[in-house]
N, C-alpha and C. Protein backbone atom coordinates (compact mmCIF):
# COMPACT_ATOMS: atom_id res chain seq x y z
N MET A 1 16.59 59.72 71.65
CA MET A 1 17.25 60.97 71.32
C MET A 1 16.95 61.31 69.86
N HIS A 2 16.70 62.56 69.62
CA HIS A 2 16.47 63.01 68.25
C HIS A 2 17.04 64.41 68.09
N ASN A 3 17.03 64.89 66.88
CA ASN A 3 17.66 66.18 66.58
C ASN A 3 16.65 67.25 66.21
N PHE A 4 15.47 67.18 66.81
CA PHE A 4 14.46 68.23 66.68
C PHE A 4 14.41 68.95 68.02
N HIS A 5 14.51 70.27 68.00
CA HIS A 5 14.57 71.00 69.26
C HIS A 5 14.20 72.47 69.03
N TYR A 6 13.85 73.11 70.14
CA TYR A 6 13.59 74.55 70.11
C TYR A 6 14.86 75.30 70.48
N ARG A 7 15.05 76.41 69.79
CA ARG A 7 16.15 77.32 70.09
C ARG A 7 15.61 78.73 69.92
N ASP A 8 15.63 79.51 70.98
CA ASP A 8 15.10 80.88 70.93
C ASP A 8 13.69 80.92 70.36
N ASP A 9 12.83 80.05 70.87
CA ASP A 9 11.41 79.97 70.47
C ASP A 9 11.20 79.60 69.01
N LYS A 10 12.21 79.04 68.34
CA LYS A 10 12.07 78.55 66.96
C LYS A 10 12.38 77.06 66.97
N PHE A 11 11.64 76.33 66.16
CA PHE A 11 11.79 74.88 66.09
C PHE A 11 12.80 74.53 65.01
N PHE A 12 13.77 73.69 65.36
CA PHE A 12 14.87 73.33 64.46
C PHE A 12 14.89 71.83 64.23
N CYS A 13 15.36 71.45 63.05
CA CYS A 13 15.76 70.09 62.75
C CYS A 13 17.26 70.17 62.54
N GLU A 14 18.00 69.53 63.45
CA GLU A 14 19.45 69.68 63.47
C GLU A 14 19.75 71.17 63.59
N ASP A 15 20.44 71.78 62.63
CA ASP A 15 20.75 73.21 62.73
C ASP A 15 19.93 74.07 61.77
N LEU A 16 18.85 73.52 61.27
CA LEU A 16 18.05 74.23 60.28
C LEU A 16 16.69 74.59 60.86
N PRO A 17 16.32 75.89 60.86
CA PRO A 17 15.01 76.26 61.38
C PRO A 17 13.90 75.75 60.46
N LEU A 18 12.90 75.10 61.05
CA LEU A 18 11.81 74.54 60.25
C LEU A 18 11.01 75.61 59.53
N GLU A 19 10.97 76.80 60.08
CA GLU A 19 10.28 77.91 59.43
C GLU A 19 10.89 78.18 58.04
N ARG A 20 12.20 78.07 57.94
CA ARG A 20 12.89 78.28 56.66
C ARG A 20 12.48 77.20 55.64
N ILE A 21 12.43 75.96 56.11
CA ILE A 21 12.01 74.87 55.21
C ILE A 21 10.59 75.11 54.74
N ALA A 22 9.71 75.47 55.66
CA ALA A 22 8.31 75.72 55.30
C ALA A 22 8.19 76.86 54.30
N ASN A 23 8.98 77.89 54.48
CA ASN A 23 8.93 79.03 53.55
C ASN A 23 9.46 78.67 52.18
N GLU A 24 10.50 77.83 52.13
CA GLU A 24 11.12 77.47 50.85
C GLU A 24 10.41 76.33 50.15
N ALA A 25 9.96 75.32 50.92
CA ALA A 25 9.36 74.13 50.31
C ALA A 25 7.84 74.17 50.31
N GLY A 26 7.28 75.00 51.17
CA GLY A 26 5.83 75.01 51.33
C GLY A 26 5.41 73.93 52.32
N THR A 27 4.14 73.99 52.66
CA THR A 27 3.60 72.99 53.58
C THR A 27 2.33 72.41 52.99
N PRO A 28 1.98 71.21 53.33
CA PRO A 28 2.70 70.33 54.25
C PRO A 28 3.93 69.73 53.58
N CYS A 29 4.88 69.31 54.38
CA CYS A 29 6.06 68.61 53.88
C CYS A 29 6.57 67.68 54.97
N TYR A 30 7.32 66.67 54.56
CA TYR A 30 7.94 65.75 55.50
C TYR A 30 9.37 66.20 55.74
N ILE A 31 9.78 66.19 57.00
CA ILE A 31 11.13 66.60 57.35
C ILE A 31 11.75 65.49 58.19
N TYR A 32 12.89 65.00 57.74
CA TYR A 32 13.60 63.93 58.44
C TYR A 32 14.96 64.46 58.89
N SER A 33 15.41 63.95 60.01
CA SER A 33 16.74 64.27 60.50
C SER A 33 17.67 63.13 60.13
N LEU A 34 18.65 63.40 59.29
CA LEU A 34 19.63 62.39 58.91
C LEU A 34 20.35 61.85 60.14
N ALA A 35 20.78 62.73 61.01
CA ALA A 35 21.51 62.31 62.21
C ALA A 35 20.66 61.40 63.08
N THR A 36 19.37 61.71 63.22
CA THR A 36 18.48 60.88 64.04
C THR A 36 18.29 59.50 63.41
N LEU A 37 18.04 59.47 62.11
CA LEU A 37 17.86 58.18 61.44
C LEU A 37 19.12 57.32 61.55
N GLN A 38 20.27 57.92 61.33
CA GLN A 38 21.53 57.17 61.44
C GLN A 38 21.74 56.65 62.85
N ARG A 39 21.52 57.48 63.84
CA ARG A 39 21.73 57.08 65.22
C ARG A 39 20.80 55.94 65.59
N HIS A 40 19.53 56.05 65.26
CA HIS A 40 18.57 55.01 65.64
C HIS A 40 18.87 53.68 64.93
N PHE A 41 19.32 53.76 63.68
CA PHE A 41 19.70 52.53 62.99
C PHE A 41 20.88 51.88 63.70
N ARG A 42 21.90 52.68 64.02
CA ARG A 42 23.09 52.14 64.69
C ARG A 42 22.77 51.52 66.05
N VAL A 43 21.92 52.20 66.82
CA VAL A 43 21.56 51.69 68.15
C VAL A 43 20.83 50.36 68.01
N PHE A 44 19.86 50.28 67.11
CA PHE A 44 19.12 49.04 66.93
C PHE A 44 20.04 47.94 66.42
N ASP A 45 20.81 48.23 65.38
CA ASP A 45 21.68 47.23 64.78
C ASP A 45 22.73 46.73 65.78
N SER A 46 23.27 47.61 66.59
CA SER A 46 24.32 47.22 67.53
C SER A 46 23.80 46.31 68.63
N ALA A 47 22.49 46.28 68.84
CA ALA A 47 21.93 45.38 69.85
C ALA A 47 22.16 43.92 69.49
N PHE A 48 22.49 43.65 68.24
CA PHE A 48 22.69 42.28 67.77
C PHE A 48 24.15 41.95 67.48
N LEU A 49 25.07 42.78 67.98
CA LEU A 49 26.49 42.49 67.78
C LEU A 49 26.82 41.10 68.29
N GLY A 50 27.61 40.40 67.53
CA GLY A 50 27.99 39.05 67.91
C GLY A 50 27.02 37.99 67.43
N ILE A 51 25.92 38.41 66.84
CA ILE A 51 24.92 37.48 66.30
C ILE A 51 24.81 37.73 64.80
N ASP A 52 24.84 36.67 64.02
CA ASP A 52 24.66 36.81 62.58
C ASP A 52 23.24 37.35 62.33
N HIS A 53 23.14 38.53 61.75
CA HIS A 53 21.83 39.15 61.57
C HIS A 53 21.83 40.10 60.38
N LEU A 54 20.64 40.49 60.00
CA LEU A 54 20.44 41.53 58.99
C LEU A 54 19.32 42.42 59.49
N THR A 55 19.61 43.69 59.70
CA THR A 55 18.60 44.64 60.13
C THR A 55 17.87 45.14 58.90
N CYS A 56 16.57 44.87 58.85
CA CYS A 56 15.75 45.25 57.69
C CYS A 56 14.72 46.29 58.09
N PHE A 57 14.54 47.26 57.22
CA PHE A 57 13.56 48.32 57.42
C PHE A 57 12.30 47.96 56.64
N SER A 58 11.15 48.10 57.26
CA SER A 58 9.88 47.78 56.61
C SER A 58 9.53 48.87 55.60
N VAL A 59 9.50 48.49 54.34
CA VAL A 59 9.15 49.45 53.29
C VAL A 59 7.69 49.89 53.47
N LYS A 60 6.87 49.02 54.03
CA LYS A 60 5.47 49.36 54.29
C LYS A 60 5.37 50.56 55.23
N SER A 61 6.31 50.67 56.16
CA SER A 61 6.23 51.76 57.14
C SER A 61 6.62 53.11 56.54
N ASN A 62 7.51 53.09 55.57
CA ASN A 62 7.93 54.34 54.90
C ASN A 62 8.69 53.94 53.64
N SER A 63 8.14 54.26 52.49
CA SER A 63 8.74 53.83 51.22
C SER A 63 9.59 54.92 50.57
N ASN A 64 9.99 55.92 51.35
CA ASN A 64 10.83 57.00 50.83
C ASN A 64 12.16 56.40 50.37
N ILE A 65 12.46 56.56 49.09
CA ILE A 65 13.65 55.94 48.51
C ILE A 65 14.93 56.45 49.16
N ALA A 66 14.98 57.71 49.52
CA ALA A 66 16.19 58.25 50.17
C ALA A 66 16.43 57.57 51.51
N ILE A 67 15.37 57.28 52.26
CA ILE A 67 15.52 56.61 53.55
C ILE A 67 15.94 55.16 53.34
N LEU A 68 15.32 54.48 52.38
CA LEU A 68 15.71 53.10 52.07
C LEU A 68 17.18 53.05 51.67
N ARG A 69 17.61 54.00 50.84
CA ARG A 69 19.00 54.06 50.39
C ARG A 69 19.94 54.32 51.57
N LEU A 70 19.55 55.20 52.48
CA LEU A 70 20.36 55.49 53.66
C LEU A 70 20.62 54.23 54.47
N PHE A 71 19.54 53.50 54.81
CA PHE A 71 19.71 52.31 55.63
C PHE A 71 20.51 51.24 54.89
N ALA A 72 20.31 51.13 53.59
CA ALA A 72 21.10 50.17 52.80
C ALA A 72 22.59 50.55 52.83
N SER A 73 22.88 51.85 52.77
CA SER A 73 24.28 52.29 52.80
C SER A 73 24.93 52.01 54.14
N MET A 74 24.11 51.80 55.17
CA MET A 74 24.60 51.49 56.51
C MET A 74 24.65 49.98 56.75
N GLY A 75 24.38 49.21 55.69
CA GLY A 75 24.44 47.75 55.82
C GLY A 75 23.11 47.07 56.04
N GLY A 76 22.04 47.85 56.06
CA GLY A 76 20.72 47.28 56.29
C GLY A 76 20.07 46.77 55.03
N GLY A 77 18.94 46.14 55.21
CA GLY A 77 18.14 45.64 54.10
C GLY A 77 16.72 46.15 54.22
N THR A 78 15.85 45.59 53.40
CA THR A 78 14.45 45.97 53.46
C THR A 78 13.58 44.73 53.63
N ASP A 79 12.47 44.92 54.30
CA ASP A 79 11.44 43.90 54.46
C ASP A 79 10.28 44.35 53.57
N ILE A 80 9.92 43.51 52.59
CA ILE A 80 8.91 43.88 51.61
C ILE A 80 7.77 42.87 51.59
N VAL A 81 6.62 43.29 51.06
CA VAL A 81 5.48 42.39 50.95
C VAL A 81 4.82 42.44 49.57
N SER A 82 5.38 43.23 48.65
CA SER A 82 4.76 43.33 47.33
C SER A 82 5.81 43.63 46.27
N SER A 83 5.39 43.47 45.03
CA SER A 83 6.29 43.78 43.92
C SER A 83 6.58 45.29 43.86
N GLY A 84 5.64 46.11 44.27
CA GLY A 84 5.87 47.56 44.32
C GLY A 84 6.96 47.92 45.31
N GLU A 85 6.95 47.25 46.45
CA GLU A 85 7.99 47.50 47.45
C GLU A 85 9.33 46.94 46.99
N LEU A 86 9.31 45.84 46.25
CA LEU A 86 10.54 45.32 45.65
C LEU A 86 11.11 46.34 44.67
N PHE A 87 10.25 46.93 43.84
CA PHE A 87 10.68 47.94 42.88
C PHE A 87 11.35 49.11 43.59
N ARG A 88 10.73 49.60 44.68
CA ARG A 88 11.28 50.74 45.40
C ARG A 88 12.61 50.37 46.07
N SER A 89 12.72 49.15 46.60
CA SER A 89 13.96 48.71 47.22
C SER A 89 15.09 48.66 46.20
N LEU A 90 14.81 48.11 45.04
CA LEU A 90 15.84 48.03 44.00
C LEU A 90 16.20 49.42 43.49
N LYS A 91 15.20 50.29 43.37
CA LYS A 91 15.47 51.67 42.94
C LYS A 91 16.35 52.39 43.96
N ALA A 92 16.21 52.02 45.23
CA ALA A 92 17.02 52.62 46.30
C ALA A 92 18.39 51.95 46.40
N GLU A 93 18.67 51.03 45.48
CA GLU A 93 19.97 50.34 45.41
C GLU A 93 20.23 49.43 46.61
N VAL A 94 19.15 48.85 47.15
CA VAL A 94 19.31 47.83 48.18
C VAL A 94 19.76 46.56 47.47
N PRO A 95 20.87 45.96 47.86
CA PRO A 95 21.31 44.73 47.22
C PRO A 95 20.23 43.65 47.34
N PRO A 96 19.94 42.93 46.26
CA PRO A 96 18.88 41.91 46.30
C PRO A 96 19.03 40.90 47.43
N GLU A 97 20.26 40.56 47.80
CA GLU A 97 20.45 39.59 48.87
C GLU A 97 20.10 40.15 50.25
N ARG A 98 19.82 41.46 50.31
CA ARG A 98 19.41 42.07 51.58
C ARG A 98 17.95 42.50 51.54
N ILE A 99 17.17 41.91 50.64
CA ILE A 99 15.74 42.17 50.58
C ILE A 99 15.01 40.92 51.05
N VAL A 100 14.22 41.07 52.11
CA VAL A 100 13.48 39.95 52.68
C VAL A 100 12.02 40.10 52.26
N TYR A 101 11.50 39.05 51.62
CA TYR A 101 10.13 39.05 51.10
C TYR A 101 9.28 38.23 52.05
N SER A 102 8.32 38.86 52.71
CA SER A 102 7.54 38.14 53.71
C SER A 102 6.06 38.48 53.58
N GLY A 103 5.27 37.89 54.43
CA GLY A 103 3.84 38.14 54.45
C GLY A 103 3.07 37.03 53.75
N VAL A 104 1.77 37.11 53.88
CA VAL A 104 0.88 36.10 53.30
C VAL A 104 -0.05 36.75 52.28
N GLY A 105 -0.79 35.92 51.56
CA GLY A 105 -1.81 36.44 50.64
C GLY A 105 -1.23 37.10 49.41
N LYS A 106 -0.22 36.52 48.81
CA LYS A 106 0.42 37.10 47.62
C LYS A 106 -0.38 36.79 46.36
N ARG A 107 -0.39 37.75 45.45
CA ARG A 107 -0.93 37.51 44.11
C ARG A 107 0.16 36.83 43.29
N ASP A 108 -0.24 36.16 42.22
CA ASP A 108 0.73 35.46 41.38
C ASP A 108 1.82 36.40 40.88
N GLU A 109 1.45 37.61 40.47
CA GLU A 109 2.43 38.54 39.93
C GLU A 109 3.40 39.07 41.00
N ASP A 110 3.02 38.99 42.27
CA ASP A 110 3.91 39.42 43.34
C ASP A 110 4.95 38.35 43.67
N ILE A 111 4.65 37.12 43.32
CA ILE A 111 5.59 36.03 43.60
C ILE A 111 6.48 35.89 42.41
C-alpha cells in the first residue's frame, strides 16, 4: 500500500498534486510520501514483535537525512558501511547505539 494515486486524471502524493510540486520545485525532483514510509516501517518492524531486535535502514540504499531521521524517530537505526554514512547517520540524529557498522573491505580511516 502506498499513498500515490490518480484523482480526476491528476497524479497525487497523499493529498498533494504532483503537478504543483513540479511547478514549484522544478524537475527532476524526488517525492516521498511520509505516510507510506511510516506505514512500511511499522509493518516491517511489527513482524518482529516479541523478539529483541533493531530495525535498521541501509544508508547505502538512500542517504536522505530526512528519511534517516524519520526512521530513527520511529525507533529504528541505520546500517552503514563507511565513515561518510556514519557522518550522515549522526547528522540525522540517529543514536550511536542504533548504528550498525557492517561490510568488508574497510579502509583504515573508515574503521
